[in-house]
Amino acid sequence: MTVEVVPGLRALGMNEYEASVYSSLVGLQKATARDIHEVSGVPRGRIYEILNDLARRGFIGVEEGSPTSYYVLDIDQVFDRLKEDYIRSLDEVREALKSLSVKPRLVPDSFFILRSDWAIENHIASLFRRAKKSMVILCYSPEFLQRYHAAIKPLERRIDLYVVVRNSEEYAGINLPIYEARGTVIDLLETAPVNRPAEGDLRLEECAILVDGQDFLAIAAAGSGRHAMIGSDMPLIGYLQKTIIERLRAV
């Protein structure tokens, strides 16, 4: 009866005995310590300690008597309170960390590599969220814009957005400010490999994003893997983004 929910309760901070006792009592609704011991299989010597702790933490109630009975408090109320406490705790920790953090000084003209999909998705979302003035997306694949369209589209209302592609016909139907590359900008959309001895042969295949003249991200493939090169606070990024925009406006 309790096996399926024990892992979930343990994720909430209960140990295995506590999870077994609580889930057993949920099934019984109201029971004595002896009944709970028999259903849960938790050693009798631990039952009272665990029940008292669950009561102190607001999961169950106690009905004094001979013998004492224990009953389940409203599950929705209990878990709504847990959720509120958890969110409040996260907010407090986040603010505490922000008050301690100092923006790192990156080595000039340095790039870093993100190797996991989670890290790449998180960094892309961060760039979209932090953009304040302008963004240039050098797009190598329509699939990239289709995948992130819902996140990119709202940017049009608050920043200058330029989506640069090699052949605009391939992007027909994608409702974004699409610019077809001309002149030297075309060279930036070539999928030539970027040789980095430490990482192997990286080939740009999805996009390169420049934000506010200071942040850079390029998604590349290396073998069967997916990597992202990122950089920040680099003069080259500002120069490159400004140059691309000027070339686009001159067409």
Protein backbone atom coordinates (compact mmCIF):
# COMPACT_ATOMS: atom_id res chain seq x y z
CA MET A 1 0.00 0.00 0.00
CA THR A 2 2.76 2.46 0.85
CA VAL A 3 5.58 1.40 -1.44
CA GLU A 4 4.60 3.69 -4.32
CA VAL A 5 4.49 6.94 -2.30
CA VAL A 6 7.49 6.40 -0.02
CA PRO A 7 10.06 7.80 -2.52
CA GLY A 8 7.96 10.94 -2.98
CA LEU A 9 7.64 11.48 0.76
CA ARG A 10 11.37 10.95 1.19
CA ALA A 11 11.91 13.72 -1.36
CA LEU A 12 10.02 15.99 1.06
CA GLY A 13 12.58 15.33 3.77
CA MET A 14 11.12 12.28 5.49
CA ASN A 15 13.30 9.27 6.18
CA GLU A 16 12.07 5.81 5.18
CA TYR A 17 10.48 5.03 8.54
CA GLU A 18 8.66 8.39 8.66
CA ALA A 19 7.40 7.94 5.10
CA SER A 20 6.15 4.43 5.87
CA VAL A 21 4.41 5.53 9.06
CA TYR A 22 2.75 8.55 7.45
CA SER A 23 1.55 6.73 4.33
CA SER A 24 0.23 3.88 6.47
CA LEU A 25 -1.72 6.31 8.63
CA VAL A 26 -3.13 8.00 5.52
CA GLY A 27 -4.52 4.63 4.52
CA LEU A 28 -5.90 3.94 8.02
CA GLN A 29 -7.07 7.56 8.56
CA LYS A 30 -7.08 7.02 12.34
CA ALA A 31 -5.22 4.38 14.32
CA THR A 32 -3.24 3.54 17.43
CA ALA A 33 0.54 3.25 17.47
CA ARG A 34 0.17 -0.54 17.57
CA ASP A 35 -2.03 -0.59 14.45
CA ILE A 36 0.41 1.66 12.59
CA HIS A 37 3.34 -0.52 13.65
CA GLU A 38 1.63 -3.62 12.29
CA VAL A 39 0.69 -2.03 8.94
CA SER A 40 3.91 -0.12 8.30
CA GLY A 41 6.37 -2.70 9.56
CA VAL A 42 8.34 0.02 11.33
CA PRO A 43 9.95 -1.30 14.56
CA ARG A 44 7.68 -0.76 17.56
CA GLY A 45 10.49 0.94 19.48
CA ARG A 46 10.55 3.75 16.90
CA ILE A 47 6.81 4.25 16.36
CA TYR A 48 6.12 6.75 19.16
CA GLU A 49 9.19 8.84 18.36
CA ILE A 50 8.18 9.04 14.70
CA LEU A 51 4.50 9.78 15.39
CA ASN A 52 5.37 12.57 17.81
CA ASP A 53 7.76 14.09 15.28
CA LEU A 54 5.16 13.96 12.48
CA ALA A 55 2.66 15.63 14.81
CA ARG A 56 5.17 18.35 15.71
CA ARG A 57 5.77 19.03 12.01
CA GLY A 58 2.04 19.35 11.30
CA PHE A 59 1.42 16.18 9.29
CA ILE A 60 -0.84 14.39 11.77
CA GLY A 61 -3.00 15.06 14.82
CA VAL A 62 -3.08 13.35 18.22
CA GLU A 63 -6.18 12.30 20.14
CA GLU A 64 -5.34 11.69 23.77
CA GLY A 65 -6.90 8.66 25.35
CA SER A 66 -6.25 5.10 26.41
CA PRO A 67 -4.83 4.18 24.06
CA THR A 68 -3.77 7.37 22.26
CA SER A 69 -4.92 7.58 18.66
CA TYR A 70 -3.37 9.37 15.72
CA TYR A 71 -5.22 10.79 12.71
CA VAL A 72 -4.37 12.38 9.38
CA LEU A 73 -4.72 16.14 9.00
CA ASP A 74 -6.24 17.50 5.78
CA ILE A 75 -3.75 16.51 3.08
CA ASP A 76 -4.48 19.50 0.81
CA GLN A 77 -3.90 21.98 3.63
CA VAL A 78 -0.75 20.21 4.78
CA PHE A 79 0.80 20.14 1.33
CA ASP A 80 -0.28 23.68 0.45
CA ARG A 81 1.52 24.83 3.60
CA LEU A 82 4.59 22.77 2.66
CA LYS A 83 4.60 24.31 -0.81
CA GLU A 84 4.34 27.84 0.58
CA ASP A 85 7.11 27.16 3.10
CA TYR A 86 9.33 25.67 0.39
CA ILE A 87 8.81 28.58 -2.00
CA ARG A 88 9.43 31.10 0.78
CA SER A 89 12.60 29.25 1.75
CA LEU A 90 13.81 29.25 -1.87
CA ASP A 91 13.16 32.98 -2.16
CA GLU A 92 15.03 33.69 1.07
CA VAL A 93 18.02 31.60 0.00
CA ARG A 94 18.05 33.22 -3.45
CA GLU A 95 18.07 36.72 -1.99
CA ALA A 96 20.75 35.76 0.51
CA LEU A 97 22.94 34.36 -2.27
CA LYS A 98 22.38 37.43 -4.44
CA SER A 99 23.51 39.64 -1.60
CA LEU A 100 26.73 37.64 -1.38
CA SER A 101 27.46 37.30 -5.08
CA VAL A 102 30.00 39.41 -6.91
CA LYS A 103 29.95 39.56 -10.68
CA PRO A 104 32.98 37.57 -11.84
CA ARG A 105 35.64 39.32 -13.87
CA LEU A 106 36.16 37.14 -16.91
CA VAL A 107 39.51 36.91 -18.55
CA PRO A 108 39.42 39.17 -21.64
CA ASP A 109 38.70 37.38 -24.91
CA SER A 110 37.90 34.13 -23.13
CA PHE A 111 35.22 31.63 -24.05
CA PHE A 112 33.75 28.90 -21.91
CA ILE A 113 32.06 25.65 -22.92
CA LEU A 114 28.69 24.35 -21.73
CA ARG A 115 28.45 20.60 -22.23
CA SER A 116 24.98 19.61 -20.97
CA ASP A 117 21.61 20.31 -22.59
CA TRP A 118 20.31 21.57 -19.24
CA ALA A 119 23.12 24.14 -18.97
CA ILE A 120 22.59 25.25 -22.57
CA GLU A 121 18.80 25.67 -22.17
CA ASN A 122 19.29 27.52 -18.89
CA HIS A 123 21.81 29.93 -20.43
CA ILE A 124 19.60 30.62 -23.47
CA ALA A 125 16.66 31.41 -21.19
CA SER A 126 18.92 33.68 -19.15
CA LEU A 127 20.04 35.60 -22.25
CA PHE A 128 16.44 36.10 -23.38
CA ARG A 129 15.49 37.31 -19.90
CA ARG A 130 18.46 39.68 -19.46
CA ALA A 131 18.35 41.32 -22.90
CA LYS A 132 17.71 45.06 -22.48
CA LYS A 133 18.54 46.80 -25.76
CA SER A 134 19.30 44.58 -28.73
CA MET A 135 19.86 41.01 -29.83
CA VAL A 136 21.28 39.51 -33.00
CA ILE A 137 20.53 35.85 -33.71
CA LEU A 138 22.64 34.34 -36.47
CA CYS A 139 20.48 31.35 -37.32
CA TYR A 140 21.84 28.27 -39.04
CA SER A 141 18.65 26.21 -38.87
CA PRO A 142 14.89 26.94 -39.11
CA GLU A 143 14.38 24.29 -36.44
CA PHE A 144 16.08 26.52 -33.87
CA LEU A 145 13.60 29.36 -34.42
CA GLN A 146 10.66 26.96 -34.40
CA ARG A 147 11.83 25.45 -31.13
CA TYR A 148 12.34 28.80 -29.36
CA HIS A 149 9.70 30.87 -31.16
CA ALA A 150 7.50 31.26 -28.08
CA ALA A 151 10.46 32.65 -26.10
CA ILE A 152 11.85 34.86 -28.89
CA LYS A 153 8.61 36.46 -30.14
CA PRO A 154 7.95 38.59 -27.00
CA LEU A 155 11.43 40.13 -27.31
CA GLU A 156 10.23 42.19 -30.29
CA ARG A 157 8.19 44.40 -27.98
CA ARG A 158 11.06 45.46 -25.73
CA ILE A 159 14.35 45.27 -27.67
CA ASP A 160 15.73 45.67 -31.20
CA LEU A 161 15.70 42.11 -32.55
CA TYR A 162 17.55 40.91 -35.66
CA VAL A 163 17.28 37.32 -36.85
CA VAL A 164 19.87 36.85 -39.56
CA VAL A 165 19.69 33.90 -41.99
CA ARG A 166 21.46 32.87 -45.16
CA ASN A 167 18.33 32.14 -47.23
CA SER A 168 15.09 33.76 -46.06
CA GLU A 169 12.96 31.43 -48.20
CA GLU A 170 13.84 28.58 -45.86
CA TYR A 171 12.27 30.56 -42.98
CA ALA A 172 8.96 31.42 -44.67
CA GLY A 173 6.10 31.24 -42.20
CA ILE A 174 8.21 32.04 -39.14
CA ASN A 175 6.77 35.29 -37.78
CA LEU A 176 9.95 37.03 -36.62
CA PRO A 177 12.06 39.93 -37.97
CA ILE A 178 14.06 37.87 -40.47
CA TYR A 179 17.00 39.50 -42.29
CA GLU A 180 18.77 37.81 -45.16
CA ALA A 181 22.52 38.13 -44.83
CA ARG A 182 24.46 40.17 -47.38
CA GLY A 183 28.13 40.80 -48.03
CA THR A 184 30.54 39.94 -45.24
CA VAL A 185 27.70 38.91 -42.91
CA ILE A 186 27.22 35.82 -45.08
CA ASP A 187 30.62 34.57 -43.95
CA LEU A 188 29.36 34.43 -40.37
CA LEU A 189 26.66 31.97 -41.44
CA GLU A 190 29.05 29.46 -42.94
CA THR A 191 29.12 26.25 -40.90
CA ALA A 192 32.89 26.04 -40.91
CA PRO A 193 34.44 24.13 -38.00
CA VAL A 194 35.80 26.04 -35.04
CA ASN A 195 38.95 24.19 -34.04
CA ARG A 196 39.52 23.96 -30.31
CA PRO A 197 42.11 21.34 -29.33
CA ALA A 198 40.62 20.91 -25.86
CA GLU A 199 37.14 20.17 -27.19
CA GLY A 200 37.71 18.60 -30.60
CA ASP A 201 36.18 19.83 -33.84
CA LEU A 202 33.17 22.09 -33.05
CA ARG A 203 30.85 22.88 -35.96
CA LEU A 204 28.30 25.70 -35.71
CA GLU A 205 24.92 24.19 -36.57
CA GLU A 206 22.12 25.93 -34.63
CA CYS A 207 22.76 29.58 -33.86
CA ALA A 208 25.01 32.31 -32.54
CA ILE A 209 23.40 34.93 -30.28
CA LEU A 210 24.82 38.35 -29.42
CA VAL A 211 23.09 40.37 -26.70
CA ASP A 212 23.48 44.04 -25.79
CA GLY A 213 27.00 44.10 -27.18
CA GLN A 214 28.38 42.09 -24.28
CA ASP A 215 27.04 38.52 -24.14
CA PHE A 216 27.65 35.81 -26.69
CA LEU A 217 26.44 32.23 -27.15
CA ALA A 218 26.99 29.84 -30.04
CA ILE A 219 25.58 26.33 -30.18
CA ALA A 220 27.78 23.84 -31.97
CA ALA A 221 28.03 20.12 -32.58
CA ALA A 222 31.07 18.04 -31.73
CA GLY A 223 30.67 14.52 -33.02
CA SER A 224 27.28 13.38 -31.74
CA GLY A 225 27.32 15.84 -28.83
CA ARG A 226 25.89 19.33 -28.44
CA HIS A 227 27.98 22.12 -26.94
CA ALA A 228 27.62 25.85 -26.42
CA MET A 229 30.43 28.39 -26.42
CA ILE A 230 29.68 31.42 -24.25
CA GLY A 231 31.46 34.69 -23.54
CA SER A 232 30.70 37.93 -21.72
CA ASP A 233 32.05 41.45 -21.27
CA MET A 234 34.27 41.18 -24.33
CA PRO A 235 34.95 44.20 -26.60
CA LEU A 236 34.86 41.91 -29.64
CA ILE A 237 31.22 41.02 -28.99
CA GLY A 238 30.14 44.67 -28.98
CA TYR A 239 32.10 45.41 -32.16
CA LEU A 240 30.71 42.35 -33.97
CA GLN A 241 27.09 43.03 -32.99
CA LYS A 242 27.33 46.70 -33.96
CA THR A 243 28.92 45.83 -37.30
CA ILE A 244 26.25 43.24 -38.16
CA ILE A 245 23.42 45.68 -37.37
CA GLU A 246 25.02 48.42 -39.46
CA ARG A 247 25.39 46.03 -42.42
CA LEU A 248 21.76 44.94 -42.13
CA ARG A 249 20.46 48.51 -41.96
CA ALA A 250 22.57 49.50 -44.97
CA VAL A 251 20.86 47.00 -47.24
